[in-house]
Amino acid sequence: MPDRYHPALVVLHWLLAFCLIGLLIAGSTVLAPLPNTDPAKLISFRLHMGLGLITLLLMVLRLAVRLTTRRPAPADTGNAWLNRLAPATHWALYILAFTMALSGMVFSRASGLPDAVFGAGAMPASFDHSARTLHTIASRLLMALITLHIAAALWHQFIRRDGLMSRMALRRR
């Protein structure tokens, strides 16, 4: 059993961390407050939707690599409850990231947004759609889980000092 994750999985982990955190910040602090009449919203949507599609592709690739490569043994925190929580949290991160991508695509299509963003159509007057609600709820849950994930990594690194973060480092296996 390896003591580190496959290098492709490590690279994808950090790329996706950058993409997901960037998308969450941009969506909540840039896109949401801009009125639909602001030309900057169209540019922001182009970037958000483009990066969202790239992130979806990277998520599919990461899941495929994760399911087909050998991984280190599960971490032992010394607490059975935390040992069960960690894998559940990781799978929840996958589920929420895919939920974000799919609800974003549904909400975008239902609003007619791709015509405005990638074509010559007009910006929709409203984005009221149930998929937008799902997109918003999933974004808040994803923010919370990412925060929990980072807190757990820091706890392992600085409190437990168990070297767990070295398994996700880019260096020779």
N, C-alpha and C. Protein backbone atom coordinates (compact mmCIF):
# COMPACT_ATOMS: atom_id res chain seq x y z
N MET A 1 0.85 -1.18 0.00
CA MET A 1 0.00 0.00 0.00
C MET A 1 0.90 1.25 0.00
N PRO A 2 0.64 2.19 -0.90
CA PRO A 2 1.50 3.38 -0.97
C PRO A 2 1.30 4.29 0.26
N ASP A 3 2.33 5.09 0.52
CA ASP A 3 2.21 6.02 1.64
C ASP A 3 1.73 7.40 1.19
N ARG A 4 1.60 7.57 -0.14
CA ARG A 4 1.12 8.84 -0.69
C ARG A 4 0.09 8.55 -1.78
N TYR A 5 -0.70 9.58 -2.10
CA TYR A 5 -1.65 9.45 -3.20
C TYR A 5 -0.92 9.54 -4.53
N HIS A 6 -1.53 8.99 -5.55
CA HIS A 6 -0.98 9.03 -6.90
C HIS A 6 -0.74 10.49 -7.29
N PRO A 7 0.39 10.79 -7.96
CA PRO A 7 0.69 12.17 -8.33
C PRO A 7 -0.42 12.86 -9.14
N ALA A 8 -1.09 12.11 -10.00
CA ALA A 8 -2.20 12.71 -10.77
C ALA A 8 -3.33 13.14 -9.84
N LEU A 9 -3.58 12.34 -8.82
CA LEU A 9 -4.62 12.67 -7.85
C LEU A 9 -4.24 13.91 -7.04
N VAL A 10 -2.97 14.02 -6.72
CA VAL A 10 -2.49 15.19 -5.97
C VAL A 10 -2.64 16.46 -6.80
N VAL A 11 -2.20 16.40 -8.06
CA VAL A 11 -2.31 17.57 -8.94
C VAL A 11 -3.78 17.95 -9.12
N LEU A 12 -4.62 16.98 -9.35
CA LEU A 12 -6.04 17.26 -9.52
C LEU A 12 -6.67 17.82 -8.24
N HIS A 13 -6.25 17.31 -7.10
CA HIS A 13 -6.75 17.83 -5.81
C HIS A 13 -6.49 19.32 -5.70
N TRP A 14 -5.24 19.74 -5.95
CA TRP A 14 -4.88 21.15 -5.78
C TRP A 14 -5.48 22.02 -6.87
N LEU A 15 -5.55 21.53 -8.09
CA LEU A 15 -6.22 22.29 -9.16
C LEU A 15 -7.69 22.51 -8.82
N LEU A 16 -8.33 21.46 -8.37
CA LEU A 16 -9.75 21.56 -8.02
C LEU A 16 -9.97 22.44 -6.79
N ALA A 17 -9.06 22.40 -5.85
CA ALA A 17 -9.18 23.29 -4.68
C ALA A 17 -9.18 24.74 -5.16
N PHE A 18 -8.25 25.08 -6.03
CA PHE A 18 -8.16 26.43 -6.58
C PHE A 18 -9.43 26.79 -7.36
N CYS A 19 -9.86 25.89 -8.24
CA CYS A 19 -11.05 26.15 -9.06
C CYS A 19 -12.31 26.30 -8.21
N LEU A 20 -12.55 25.35 -7.32
CA LEU A 20 -13.78 25.37 -6.52
C LEU A 20 -13.84 26.59 -5.60
N ILE A 21 -12.74 26.88 -4.92
CA ILE A 21 -12.74 28.03 -4.03
C ILE A 21 -12.91 29.32 -4.84
N GLY A 22 -12.24 29.40 -5.99
CA GLY A 22 -12.40 30.57 -6.85
C GLY A 22 -13.82 30.74 -7.35
N LEU A 23 -14.43 29.65 -7.79
CA LEU A 23 -15.82 29.71 -8.25
C LEU A 23 -16.78 30.11 -7.13
N LEU A 24 -16.57 29.55 -5.95
CA LEU A 24 -17.45 29.88 -4.82
C LEU A 24 -17.32 31.35 -4.42
N ILE A 25 -16.10 31.84 -4.37
CA ILE A 25 -15.90 33.25 -4.02
C ILE A 25 -16.47 34.16 -5.09
N ALA A 26 -16.17 33.86 -6.36
CA ALA A 26 -16.67 34.71 -7.45
C ALA A 26 -18.19 34.68 -7.53
N GLY A 27 -18.77 33.51 -7.36
CA GLY A 27 -20.23 33.40 -7.43
C GLY A 27 -20.93 34.18 -6.35
N SER A 28 -20.38 34.14 -5.14
CA SER A 28 -21.06 34.79 -4.02
C SER A 28 -20.70 36.26 -3.85
N THR A 29 -19.51 36.66 -4.28
CA THR A 29 -19.10 38.05 -4.04
C THR A 29 -19.11 38.92 -5.30
N VAL A 30 -19.05 38.31 -6.48
CA VAL A 30 -19.02 39.09 -7.72
C VAL A 30 -20.35 38.96 -8.47
N LEU A 31 -20.72 37.73 -8.80
CA LEU A 31 -21.93 37.51 -9.62
C LEU A 31 -23.22 37.88 -8.89
N ALA A 32 -23.39 37.37 -7.70
CA ALA A 32 -24.65 37.57 -6.99
C ALA A 32 -25.02 39.04 -6.80
N PRO A 33 -24.07 39.90 -6.39
CA PRO A 33 -24.46 41.29 -6.14
C PRO A 33 -24.66 42.15 -7.40
N LEU A 34 -24.10 41.73 -8.53
CA LEU A 34 -24.22 42.56 -9.75
C LEU A 34 -25.63 42.51 -10.33
N PRO A 35 -26.17 43.65 -10.70
CA PRO A 35 -27.48 43.62 -11.37
C PRO A 35 -27.33 43.05 -12.79
N ASN A 36 -28.38 42.44 -13.29
CA ASN A 36 -28.34 41.82 -14.62
C ASN A 36 -28.09 42.83 -15.73
N THR A 37 -28.32 44.09 -15.45
CA THR A 37 -28.13 45.13 -16.46
C THR A 37 -26.67 45.57 -16.56
N ASP A 38 -25.84 45.20 -15.59
CA ASP A 38 -24.43 45.59 -15.59
C ASP A 38 -23.66 44.74 -16.59
N PRO A 39 -22.96 45.35 -17.56
CA PRO A 39 -22.19 44.59 -18.55
C PRO A 39 -21.12 43.68 -17.92
N ALA A 40 -20.65 44.06 -16.74
CA ALA A 40 -19.65 43.24 -16.05
C ALA A 40 -20.22 41.87 -15.66
N LYS A 41 -21.53 41.80 -15.49
CA LYS A 41 -22.15 40.52 -15.11
C LYS A 41 -22.00 39.51 -16.25
N LEU A 42 -22.13 39.96 -17.47
CA LEU A 42 -21.98 39.08 -18.62
C LEU A 42 -20.57 38.52 -18.70
N ILE A 43 -19.59 39.37 -18.49
CA ILE A 43 -18.19 38.93 -18.50
C ILE A 43 -17.94 37.96 -17.34
N SER A 44 -18.48 38.30 -16.18
CA SER A 44 -18.31 37.44 -15.01
C SER A 44 -18.94 36.07 -15.24
N PHE A 45 -20.13 36.06 -15.88
CA PHE A 45 -20.77 34.78 -16.19
C PHE A 45 -19.94 33.96 -17.18
N ARG A 46 -19.35 34.61 -18.16
CA ARG A 46 -18.49 33.88 -19.11
C ARG A 46 -17.37 33.16 -18.37
N LEU A 47 -16.71 33.88 -17.49
CA LEU A 47 -15.61 33.28 -16.73
C LEU A 47 -16.12 32.19 -15.79
N HIS A 48 -17.21 32.48 -15.09
CA HIS A 48 -17.76 31.53 -14.12
C HIS A 48 -18.22 30.24 -14.81
N MET A 49 -18.93 30.39 -15.91
CA MET A 49 -19.45 29.22 -16.60
C MET A 49 -18.32 28.43 -17.27
N GLY A 50 -17.36 29.14 -17.84
CA GLY A 50 -16.22 28.45 -18.46
C GLY A 50 -15.41 27.68 -17.44
N LEU A 51 -15.09 28.34 -16.33
CA LEU A 51 -14.33 27.66 -15.28
C LEU A 51 -15.16 26.55 -14.64
N GLY A 52 -16.46 26.75 -14.55
CA GLY A 52 -17.34 25.70 -14.03
C GLY A 52 -17.29 24.44 -14.87
N LEU A 53 -17.30 24.61 -16.19
CA LEU A 53 -17.21 23.45 -17.09
C LEU A 53 -15.85 22.76 -16.99
N ILE A 54 -14.80 23.54 -16.90
CA ILE A 54 -13.46 22.96 -16.73
C ILE A 54 -13.39 22.20 -15.41
N THR A 55 -13.97 22.78 -14.37
CA THR A 55 -13.98 22.12 -13.06
C THR A 55 -14.75 20.81 -13.10
N LEU A 56 -15.87 20.80 -13.81
CA LEU A 56 -16.63 19.55 -13.95
C LEU A 56 -15.78 18.48 -14.63
N LEU A 57 -15.10 18.84 -15.69
CA LEU A 57 -14.24 17.87 -16.39
C LEU A 57 -13.12 17.38 -15.46
N LEU A 58 -12.52 18.29 -14.71
CA LEU A 58 -11.47 17.89 -13.77
C LEU A 58 -12.03 16.98 -12.67
N MET A 59 -13.28 17.24 -12.23
CA MET A 59 -13.91 16.39 -11.21
C MET A 59 -14.12 14.97 -11.74
N VAL A 60 -14.59 14.87 -12.97
CA VAL A 60 -14.79 13.54 -13.58
C VAL A 60 -13.45 12.81 -13.66
N LEU A 61 -12.43 13.53 -14.11
CA LEU A 61 -11.09 12.94 -14.22
C LEU A 61 -10.57 12.53 -12.84
N ARG A 62 -10.76 13.39 -11.85
CA ARG A 62 -10.28 13.07 -10.50
C ARG A 62 -10.98 11.85 -9.93
N LEU A 63 -12.28 11.77 -10.14
CA LEU A 63 -13.02 10.60 -9.65
C LEU A 63 -12.52 9.33 -10.33
N ALA A 64 -12.28 9.41 -11.65
CA ALA A 64 -11.77 8.25 -12.38
C ALA A 64 -10.40 7.83 -11.85
N VAL A 65 -9.52 8.79 -11.62
CA VAL A 65 -8.19 8.48 -11.09
C VAL A 65 -8.31 7.91 -9.68
N ARG A 66 -9.17 8.49 -8.89
CA ARG A 66 -9.33 8.01 -7.51
C ARG A 66 -9.82 6.57 -7.47
N LEU A 67 -10.73 6.23 -8.37
CA LEU A 67 -11.30 4.88 -8.37
C LEU A 67 -10.37 3.84 -8.99
N THR A 68 -9.34 4.28 -9.71
CA THR A 68 -8.48 3.32 -10.42
C THR A 68 -7.04 3.28 -9.91
N THR A 69 -6.70 4.08 -8.91
CA THR A 69 -5.33 4.06 -8.40
C THR A 69 -5.33 3.59 -6.95
N ARG A 70 -4.17 3.11 -6.54
CA ARG A 70 -4.02 2.68 -5.15
C ARG A 70 -3.88 3.91 -4.26
N ARG A 71 -4.39 3.80 -3.05
CA ARG A 71 -4.36 4.90 -2.10
C ARG A 71 -3.71 4.44 -0.80
N PRO A 72 -3.22 5.41 -0.03
CA PRO A 72 -2.70 5.04 1.30
C PRO A 72 -3.83 4.49 2.18
N ALA A 73 -3.44 3.82 3.23
CA ALA A 73 -4.43 3.31 4.18
C ALA A 73 -5.21 4.49 4.77
N PRO A 74 -6.46 4.25 5.13
CA PRO A 74 -7.23 5.33 5.76
C PRO A 74 -6.52 5.84 7.01
N ALA A 75 -6.65 7.14 7.22
CA ALA A 75 -6.02 7.75 8.41
C ALA A 75 -6.74 7.29 9.66
N ASP A 76 -5.98 7.10 10.71
CA ASP A 76 -6.57 6.74 12.00
C ASP A 76 -6.40 7.92 12.93
N THR A 77 -7.51 8.49 13.35
CA THR A 77 -7.48 9.66 14.22
C THR A 77 -7.46 9.26 15.70
N GLY A 78 -7.67 7.98 15.94
CA GLY A 78 -7.79 7.54 17.33
C GLY A 78 -9.21 7.63 17.84
N ASN A 79 -10.12 8.03 16.95
CA ASN A 79 -11.52 8.19 17.33
C ASN A 79 -12.37 7.53 16.24
N ALA A 80 -13.12 6.50 16.59
CA ALA A 80 -13.89 5.74 15.60
C ALA A 80 -14.89 6.63 14.85
N TRP A 81 -15.51 7.57 15.55
CA TRP A 81 -16.49 8.46 14.92
C TRP A 81 -15.82 9.33 13.86
N LEU A 82 -14.66 9.91 14.19
CA LEU A 82 -13.93 10.74 13.22
C LEU A 82 -13.41 9.90 12.06
N ASN A 83 -13.02 8.67 12.34
CA ASN A 83 -12.55 7.78 11.27
C ASN A 83 -13.65 7.50 10.25
N ARG A 84 -14.90 7.45 10.69
CA ARG A 84 -16.02 7.25 9.77
C ARG A 84 -16.44 8.56 9.10
N LEU A 85 -16.27 9.67 9.81
CA LEU A 85 -16.67 10.97 9.27
C LEU A 85 -15.80 11.40 8.09
N ALA A 86 -14.52 11.10 8.14
CA ALA A 86 -13.59 11.56 7.09
C ALA A 86 -13.99 11.06 5.70
N PRO A 87 -14.18 9.75 5.48
CA PRO A 87 -14.56 9.32 4.13
C PRO A 87 -15.94 9.83 3.72
N ALA A 88 -16.86 9.94 4.67
CA ALA A 88 -18.18 10.47 4.35
C ALA A 88 -18.07 11.92 3.89
N THR A 89 -17.22 12.69 4.54
CA THR A 89 -17.01 14.08 4.14
C THR A 89 -16.39 14.18 2.76
N HIS A 90 -15.42 13.31 2.47
CA HIS A 90 -14.80 13.33 1.14
C HIS A 90 -15.82 13.02 0.04
N TRP A 91 -16.66 12.03 0.28
CA TRP A 91 -17.67 11.70 -0.73
C TRP A 91 -18.70 12.82 -0.84
N ALA A 92 -19.01 13.47 0.27
CA ALA A 92 -19.94 14.60 0.23
C ALA A 92 -19.35 15.76 -0.59
N LEU A 93 -18.03 15.95 -0.51
CA LEU A 93 -17.39 16.98 -1.34
C LEU A 93 -17.59 16.68 -2.83
N TYR A 94 -17.41 15.42 -3.21
CA TYR A 94 -17.66 15.02 -4.60
C TYR A 94 -19.12 15.29 -4.99
N ILE A 95 -20.02 14.83 -4.15
CA ILE A 95 -21.45 14.96 -4.47
C ILE A 95 -21.84 16.43 -4.61
N LEU A 96 -21.38 17.26 -3.69
CA LEU A 96 -21.73 18.68 -3.75
C LEU A 96 -21.09 19.38 -4.96
N ALA A 97 -19.85 19.02 -5.28
CA ALA A 97 -19.21 19.63 -6.46
C ALA A 97 -19.96 19.25 -7.73
N PHE A 98 -20.36 18.00 -7.85
CA PHE A 98 -21.15 17.59 -9.02
C PHE A 98 -22.53 18.24 -9.01
N THR A 99 -23.12 18.36 -7.83
CA THR A 99 -24.42 19.03 -7.72
C THR A 99 -24.31 20.48 -8.17
N MET A 100 -23.24 21.14 -7.78
CA MET A 100 -23.02 22.53 -8.19
C MET A 100 -22.95 22.62 -9.72
N ALA A 101 -22.17 21.76 -10.33
CA ALA A 101 -22.00 21.81 -11.79
C ALA A 101 -23.31 21.52 -12.51
N LEU A 102 -23.98 20.47 -12.10
CA LEU A 102 -25.21 20.09 -12.79
C LEU A 102 -26.34 21.09 -12.56
N SER A 103 -26.49 21.58 -11.33
CA SER A 103 -27.54 22.57 -11.08
C SER A 103 -27.21 23.88 -11.79
N GLY A 104 -25.93 24.20 -11.88
CA GLY A 104 -25.53 25.40 -12.62
C GLY A 104 -25.89 25.30 -14.10
N MET A 105 -25.67 24.12 -14.67
CA MET A 105 -26.01 23.93 -16.09
C MET A 105 -27.52 23.97 -16.30
N VAL A 106 -28.27 23.34 -15.42
CA VAL A 106 -29.74 23.32 -15.56
C VAL A 106 -30.29 24.73 -15.38
N PHE A 107 -29.85 25.41 -14.35
CA PHE A 107 -30.33 26.76 -14.08
C PHE A 107 -29.94 27.72 -15.21
N SER A 108 -28.74 27.56 -15.72
CA SER A 108 -28.27 28.39 -16.82
C SER A 108 -29.11 28.17 -18.08
N ARG A 109 -29.33 26.92 -18.42
CA ARG A 109 -30.10 26.58 -19.62
C ARG A 109 -31.56 27.03 -19.48
N ALA A 110 -32.14 26.78 -18.31
CA ALA A 110 -33.54 27.16 -18.09
C ALA A 110 -33.74 28.67 -18.14
N SER A 111 -32.71 29.43 -17.79
CA SER A 111 -32.78 30.89 -17.81
C SER A 111 -32.48 31.48 -19.18
N GLY A 112 -31.96 30.66 -20.10
CA GLY A 112 -31.55 31.19 -21.40
C GLY A 112 -30.21 31.90 -21.33
N LEU A 113 -29.47 31.65 -20.28
CA LEU A 113 -28.20 32.33 -20.07
C LEU A 113 -27.13 32.01 -21.12
N PRO A 114 -26.99 30.76 -21.59
CA PRO A 114 -25.95 30.51 -22.59
C PRO A 114 -26.11 31.35 -23.86
N ASP A 115 -27.35 31.64 -24.24
CA ASP A 115 -27.56 32.47 -25.43
C ASP A 115 -26.98 33.87 -25.22
N ALA A 116 -27.10 34.41 -24.01
CA ALA A 116 -26.58 35.74 -23.72
C ALA A 116 -25.06 35.69 -23.52
N VAL A 117 -24.59 34.67 -22.82
CA VAL A 117 -23.17 34.61 -22.47
C VAL A 117 -22.30 34.21 -23.66
N PHE A 118 -22.74 33.22 -24.43
CA PHE A 118 -21.91 32.71 -25.52
C PHE A 118 -22.46 33.05 -26.90
N GLY A 119 -23.55 33.77 -26.95
CA GLY A 119 -24.16 34.12 -28.24
C GLY A 119 -24.53 35.58 -28.27
N ALA A 120 -25.61 35.87 -28.96
CA ALA A 120 -26.03 37.26 -29.12
C ALA A 120 -27.35 37.54 -28.40
N GLY A 121 -27.81 36.60 -27.59
CA GLY A 121 -29.09 36.77 -26.90
C GLY A 121 -29.00 37.81 -25.80
N ALA A 122 -30.16 38.20 -25.31
CA ALA A 122 -30.23 39.19 -24.23
C ALA A 122 -30.05 38.50 -22.88
N MET A 123 -29.53 39.26 -21.96
CA MET A 123 -29.38 38.77 -20.59
C MET A 123 -30.77 38.58 -19.99
N PRO A 124 -31.03 37.43 -19.35
CA PRO A 124 -32.34 37.21 -18.74
C PRO A 124 -32.66 38.28 -17.69
N ALA A 125 -33.90 38.64 -17.61
CA ALA A 125 -34.32 39.64 -16.62
C ALA A 125 -34.27 39.05 -15.21
N SER A 126 -34.49 37.74 -15.12
CA SER A 126 -34.55 37.09 -13.82
C SER A 126 -33.93 35.71 -13.90
N PHE A 127 -33.44 35.24 -12.78
CA PHE A 127 -32.87 33.89 -12.70
C PHE A 127 -33.67 33.02 -11.74
N ASP A 128 -34.95 33.32 -11.58
CA ASP A 128 -35.78 32.54 -10.67
C ASP A 128 -36.04 31.16 -11.26
N HIS A 129 -35.39 30.18 -10.69
CA HIS A 129 -35.54 28.80 -11.13
C HIS A 129 -35.15 27.91 -9.95
N SER A 130 -35.80 26.78 -9.82
CA SER A 130 -35.52 25.89 -8.68
C SER A 130 -34.07 25.40 -8.69
N ALA A 131 -33.48 25.25 -9.87
CA ALA A 131 -32.09 24.81 -9.94
C ALA A 131 -31.16 25.89 -9.38
N ARG A 132 -31.55 27.15 -9.49
CA ARG A 132 -30.73 28.21 -8.88
C ARG A 132 -30.76 28.08 -7.36
N THR A 133 -31.91 27.75 -6.81
CA THR A 133 -32.01 27.55 -5.37
C THR A 133 -31.11 26.39 -4.95
N LEU A 134 -31.15 25.30 -5.69
CA LEU A 134 -30.28 24.16 -5.40
C LEU A 134 -28.81 24.56 -5.51
N HIS A 135 -28.47 25.33 -6.54
CA HIS A 135 -27.11 25.80 -6.76
C HIS A 135 -26.63 26.62 -5.56
N THR A 136 -27.50 27.49 -5.06
CA THR A 136 -27.16 28.34 -3.91
C THR A 136 -26.99 27.51 -2.64
N ILE A 137 -27.92 26.61 -2.38
CA ILE A 137 -27.84 25.76 -1.18
C ILE A 137 -26.59 24.88 -1.24
N ALA A 138 -26.35 24.26 -2.40
CA ALA A 138 -25.17 23.41 -2.55
C ALA A 138 -23.88 24.22 -2.37
N SER A 139 -23.89 25.48 -2.83
CA SER A 139 -22.68 26.30 -2.68
C SER A 139 -22.39 26.56 -1.20
N ARG A 140 -23.42 26.82 -0.42
CA ARG A 140 -23.22 27.09 1.01
C ARG A 140 -22.74 25.82 1.73
N LEU A 141 -23.33 24.69 1.37
CA LEU A 141 -22.89 23.43 1.98
C LEU A 141 -21.46 23.09 1.56
N LEU A 142 -21.12 23.35 0.31
CA LEU A 142 -19.77 23.09 -0.18
C LEU A 142 -18.77 24.00 0.54
N MET A 143 -19.13 25.26 0.74
CA MET A 143 -18.25 26.17 1.49
C MET A 143 -18.00 25.63 2.90
N ALA A 144 -19.05 25.16 3.54
CA ALA A 144 -18.92 24.63 4.90
C ALA A 144 -18.04 23.37 4.92
N LEU A 145 -18.24 22.48 3.96
CA LEU A 145 -17.43 21.25 3.93
C LEU A 145 -15.98 21.54 3.59
N ILE A 146 -15.73 22.48 2.69
CA ILE A 146 -14.35 22.84 2.36
C ILE A 146 -13.67 23.43 3.60
N THR A 147 -14.40 24.26 4.34
CA THR A 147 -13.86 24.82 5.57
C THR A 147 -13.54 23.71 6.57
N LEU A 148 -14.45 22.75 6.71
CA LEU A 148 -14.22 21.61 7.59
C LEU A 148 -13.00 20.80 7.12
N HIS A 149 -12.88 20.59 5.82
CA HIS A 149 -11.77 19.84 5.23
C HIS A 149 -10.43 20.53 5.54
N ILE A 150 -10.39 21.84 5.35
CA ILE A 150 -9.17 22.60 5.63
C ILE A 150 -8.85 22.56 7.12
N ALA A 151 -9.88 22.72 7.95
CA ALA A 151 -9.68 22.67 9.41
C ALA A 151 -9.15 21.31 9.83
N ALA A 152 -9.68 20.25 9.25
CA ALA A 152 -9.21 18.90 9.60
C ALA A 152 -7.75 18.71 9.16
N ALA A 153 -7.41 19.20 7.97
CA ALA A 153 -6.02 19.08 7.50
C ALA A 153 -5.07 19.84 8.42
N LEU A 154 -5.47 21.04 8.83
CA LEU A 154 -4.64 21.82 9.75
C LEU A 154 -4.54 21.16 11.12
N TRP A 155 -5.64 20.55 11.58
CA TRP A 155 -5.64 19.82 12.84
C TRP A 155 -4.63 18.66 12.79
N HIS A 156 -4.67 17.91 11.66
CA HIS A 156 -3.71 16.81 11.49
C HIS A 156 -2.28 17.35 11.46
N GLN A 157 -2.07 18.45 10.77
CA GLN A 157 -0.73 18.98 10.60
C GLN A 157 -0.16 19.59 11.89
N PHE A 158 -0.96 20.40 12.57
CA PHE A 158 -0.41 21.18 13.68
C PHE A 158 -0.78 20.69 15.08
N ILE A 159 -1.85 19.94 15.21
CA ILE A 159 -2.25 19.43 16.52
C ILE A 159 -1.80 17.97 16.67
N ARG A 160 -2.23 17.14 15.76
CA ARG A 160 -1.85 15.72 15.83
C ARG A 160 -0.41 15.49 15.37
N ARG A 161 0.05 16.33 14.43
CA ARG A 161 1.42 16.20 13.89
C ARG A 161 1.69 14.78 13.39
N ASP A 162 0.69 14.26 12.64
CA ASP A 162 0.79 12.88 12.17
C ASP A 162 1.27 12.75 10.72
N GLY A 163 1.63 13.87 10.09
CA GLY A 163 2.16 13.82 8.73
C GLY A 163 1.13 13.50 7.66
N LEU A 164 -0.14 13.58 8.00
CA LEU A 164 -1.19 13.22 7.06
C LEU A 164 -1.14 14.07 5.79
N MET A 165 -0.85 15.36 5.93
CA MET A 165 -0.85 16.24 4.76
C MET A 165 0.25 15.87 3.77
N SER A 166 1.29 15.20 4.20
CA SER A 166 2.37 14.82 3.29
C SER A 166 1.88 13.82 2.24
N ARG A 167 0.78 13.14 2.52
CA ARG A 167 0.22 12.19 1.55
C ARG A 167 -0.34 12.91 0.33
N MET A 168 -0.65 14.21 0.46
CA MET A 168 -1.23 14.98 -0.62
C MET A 168 -0.21 16.00 -1.15
N ALA A 169 1.08 15.74 -0.89
CA ALA A 169 2.14 16.63 -1.36
C ALA A 169 2.68 16.13 -2.69
N LEU A 170 3.19 17.07 -3.47
CA LEU A 170 3.78 16.73 -4.76
C LEU A 170 5.27 16.48 -4.57
N ARG A 171 5.64 15.24 -4.49
CA ARG A 171 7.04 14.84 -4.45
C ARG A 171 7.11 13.35 -4.74
N ARG A 172 8.31 12.87 -4.84
CA ARG A 172 8.48 11.45 -5.20
C ARG A 172 7.79 10.55 -4.21
N ARG A 173 7.14 9.51 -4.75
CA ARG A 173 6.43 8.56 -3.89
C ARG A 173 7.37 7.55 -3.28
